[in-house]
Amino acid sequence: MGGKLEEQVGPLLQAKGLRLATAESCTGGLVGDLLTNVAGSSQYFWGGIISYDNFVKQNILGVSAATLETVGAVSPECALAMAHGTRRLMTTELGLSTTGIAGPGGATPGKPVGLVYIALVDDQGFERCEKYIWQADRIGNKELSAQAALKILLEYLQ
């Protein structure tokens, strides 16, 4: 199956009767943008939350204050909590999240610019979280992260 990732995941989501919700931080809605570029995406994409600030991560998505204080927003724990939070809020079978440091600023000791965590969860207990360290500029890091998120989703669906 060729074509863009967003064009590949749609038919698979539809065929499996699965609905997706996203929670995006560092990608700023780019995953949702790519998904909705495909006609008919309203059949499987329920929506997304751009949780750029920790207030939104905690108060909307339900990421615990302890997670944010101990491991931070750019962590596998936060990415998984974001994915679970959006899935729960939107009552979908799948939740997909991105959190990271797009750059050029924002790096901290142990967390360089380009560090991104992407998580996918389902309503049956499946969890996957991947770590990436991109070497691009801000826009490149966002685009690479969005593509990686769709790739993780495609692998799950296949």
Protein backbone atom coordinates (compact mmCIF):
# COMPACT_ATOMS: atom_id res chain seq x y z
CA MET A 1 0.00 0.00 0.00
CA GLY A 2 1.75 3.16 -1.20
CA GLY A 3 0.99 6.83 -0.78
CA LYS A 4 1.26 9.24 2.09
CA LEU A 5 0.96 7.83 5.59
CA GLU A 6 -2.24 9.77 6.29
CA GLU A 7 -3.78 8.23 3.16
CA GLN A 8 -2.74 4.73 4.29
CA VAL A 9 -4.08 4.86 7.85
CA GLY A 10 -7.58 6.06 6.94
CA PRO A 11 -8.79 2.97 5.09
CA LEU A 12 -7.30 0.72 7.77
CA LEU A 13 -9.00 2.64 10.58
CA GLN A 14 -12.29 2.47 8.67
CA ALA A 15 -11.95 -1.23 7.86
CA LYS A 16 -11.29 -2.03 11.52
CA GLY A 17 -14.03 0.29 12.78
CA LEU A 18 -11.57 2.25 14.91
CA ARG A 19 -11.76 5.92 15.84
CA LEU A 20 -8.76 8.06 16.69
CA ALA A 21 -8.18 11.10 18.89
CA THR A 22 -4.92 13.01 19.20
CA ALA A 23 -3.18 15.01 21.91
CA GLU A 24 -0.42 17.15 20.47
CA SER A 25 2.12 19.33 22.15
CA CYS A 26 5.29 19.87 20.08
CA THR A 27 3.51 19.19 16.77
CA GLY A 28 0.91 21.89 17.45
CA GLY A 29 -1.91 20.10 15.62
CA LEU A 30 0.11 18.94 12.62
CA VAL A 31 -0.94 15.28 13.06
CA GLY A 32 -4.59 16.29 13.01
CA ASP A 33 -3.94 18.57 10.05
CA LEU A 34 -2.40 15.72 8.06
CA LEU A 35 -5.23 13.33 8.95
CA THR A 36 -7.90 15.83 7.93
CA ASN A 37 -6.21 16.45 4.57
CA VAL A 38 -7.80 13.13 3.56
CA ALA A 39 -11.41 13.23 2.35
CA GLY A 40 -13.63 11.09 4.57
CA SER A 41 -11.39 11.42 7.64
CA SER A 42 -14.43 12.40 9.71
CA GLN A 43 -15.34 8.70 9.66
CA TYR A 44 -12.37 7.79 11.87
CA PHE A 45 -10.72 10.97 13.23
CA TRP A 46 -12.74 12.34 16.13
CA GLY A 47 -10.52 15.32 16.92
CA GLY A 48 -7.53 16.47 18.84
CA ILE A 49 -6.35 18.56 21.73
CA ILE A 50 -3.36 20.83 21.31
CA SER A 51 -1.95 20.68 24.82
CA TYR A 52 0.98 23.01 24.39
CA ASP A 53 0.96 24.22 27.99
CA ASN A 54 1.24 21.99 31.06
CA PHE A 55 -2.02 23.51 32.34
CA VAL A 56 -3.85 21.82 29.45
CA LYS A 57 -1.92 18.58 29.88
CA GLN A 58 -2.89 18.45 33.54
CA ASN A 59 -6.36 20.00 33.66
CA ILE A 60 -7.81 18.76 30.37
CA LEU A 61 -5.92 15.56 29.55
CA GLY A 62 -5.43 14.42 33.14
CA VAL A 63 -1.64 14.19 33.21
CA SER A 64 -0.79 14.09 36.92
CA ALA A 65 0.98 16.99 38.57
CA ALA A 66 3.44 14.44 39.96
CA THR A 67 4.36 13.30 36.44
CA LEU A 68 4.89 16.87 35.29
CA GLU A 69 6.95 17.72 38.38
CA THR A 70 9.11 14.59 38.52
CA VAL A 71 9.77 13.56 34.90
CA GLY A 72 8.37 16.55 33.04
CA ALA A 73 6.19 17.12 30.01
CA VAL A 74 8.81 15.68 27.67
CA SER A 75 8.77 12.11 28.95
CA PRO A 76 7.30 8.74 28.05
CA GLU A 77 5.05 8.94 31.12
CA CYS A 78 3.57 12.24 29.98
CA ALA A 79 3.17 11.05 26.37
CA LEU A 80 1.27 7.95 27.52
CA ALA A 81 -0.91 9.94 29.92
CA MET A 82 -1.74 12.40 27.12
CA ALA A 83 -2.71 9.57 24.76
CA HIS A 84 -4.91 7.94 27.42
CA GLY A 85 -6.44 11.30 28.29
CA THR A 86 -7.51 12.21 24.77
CA ARG A 87 -8.81 8.69 24.09
CA ARG A 88 -10.89 8.83 27.26
CA LEU A 89 -12.20 12.35 26.61
CA MET A 90 -13.18 11.65 23.02
CA THR A 91 -14.43 8.11 23.71
CA THR A 92 -12.33 6.66 20.89
CA GLU A 93 -10.63 3.32 20.61
CA LEU A 94 -7.24 4.92 19.93
CA GLY A 95 -5.30 7.83 21.40
CA LEU A 96 -2.13 9.21 19.79
CA SER A 97 0.09 11.84 21.40
CA THR A 98 3.23 13.87 20.74
CA THR A 99 5.35 15.77 23.24
CA GLY A 100 8.83 17.13 22.80
CA ILE A 101 11.20 20.02 22.24
CA ALA A 102 10.87 21.41 18.72
CA GLY A 103 13.55 24.07 19.27
CA PRO A 104 15.51 26.14 18.79
CA GLY A 105 15.23 26.83 22.55
CA GLY A 106 13.77 24.76 25.37
CA ALA A 107 16.57 22.27 25.85
CA THR A 108 17.46 21.26 29.40
CA PRO A 109 20.19 18.98 30.75
CA GLY A 110 19.38 15.49 29.46
CA LYS A 111 16.63 16.81 27.17
CA PRO A 112 18.09 18.21 23.95
CA VAL A 113 16.30 20.09 21.21
CA GLY A 114 14.69 17.51 18.93
CA LEU A 115 13.79 15.08 21.75
CA VAL A 116 10.26 13.80 21.16
CA TYR A 117 8.07 11.09 22.66
CA ILE A 118 5.16 9.70 20.68
CA ALA A 119 2.60 7.43 22.32
CA LEU A 120 -0.24 5.30 20.98
CA VAL A 121 -2.78 3.58 23.22
CA ASP A 122 -5.97 1.65 22.63
CA ASP A 123 -9.00 0.75 24.71
CA GLN A 124 -7.78 -2.84 25.18
CA GLY A 125 -4.67 -2.00 27.20
CA PHE A 126 -2.17 -1.64 24.33
CA GLU A 127 0.49 1.01 24.94
CA ARG A 128 3.46 2.00 22.81
CA CYS A 129 5.77 4.93 23.34
CA GLU A 130 8.73 5.75 21.12
CA LYS A 131 11.58 8.18 21.69
CA TYR A 132 13.18 10.18 18.90
CA ILE A 133 15.92 12.77 18.78
CA TRP A 134 15.61 14.75 15.57
CA GLN A 135 18.41 16.91 14.21
CA ALA A 136 16.31 19.32 12.13
CA ASP A 137 15.13 22.89 12.68
CA ARG A 138 11.85 23.67 14.46
CA ILE A 139 9.61 23.07 11.42
CA GLY A 140 11.56 19.97 10.45
CA ASN A 141 11.30 18.54 13.96
CA LYS A 142 7.53 19.09 13.92
CA GLU A 143 7.16 17.46 10.49
CA LEU A 144 9.38 14.49 11.40
CA SER A 145 7.40 13.98 14.61
CA ALA A 146 4.04 14.08 12.84
CA GLN A 147 5.25 11.56 10.24
CA ALA A 148 6.64 9.30 12.98
CA ALA A 149 3.29 9.42 14.79
CA LEU A 150 1.46 8.35 11.64
CA LYS A 151 4.03 5.60 11.07
CA ILE A 152 3.46 4.23 14.58
CA LEU A 153 -0.29 4.28 13.92
CA LEU A 154 0.15 2.53 10.57
CA GLU A 155 2.31 -0.19 12.14
CA TYR A 156 -0.34 -0.76 14.81
CA LEU A 157 -3.07 -1.05 12.18
CA GLN A 158 -1.08 -3.48 10.02
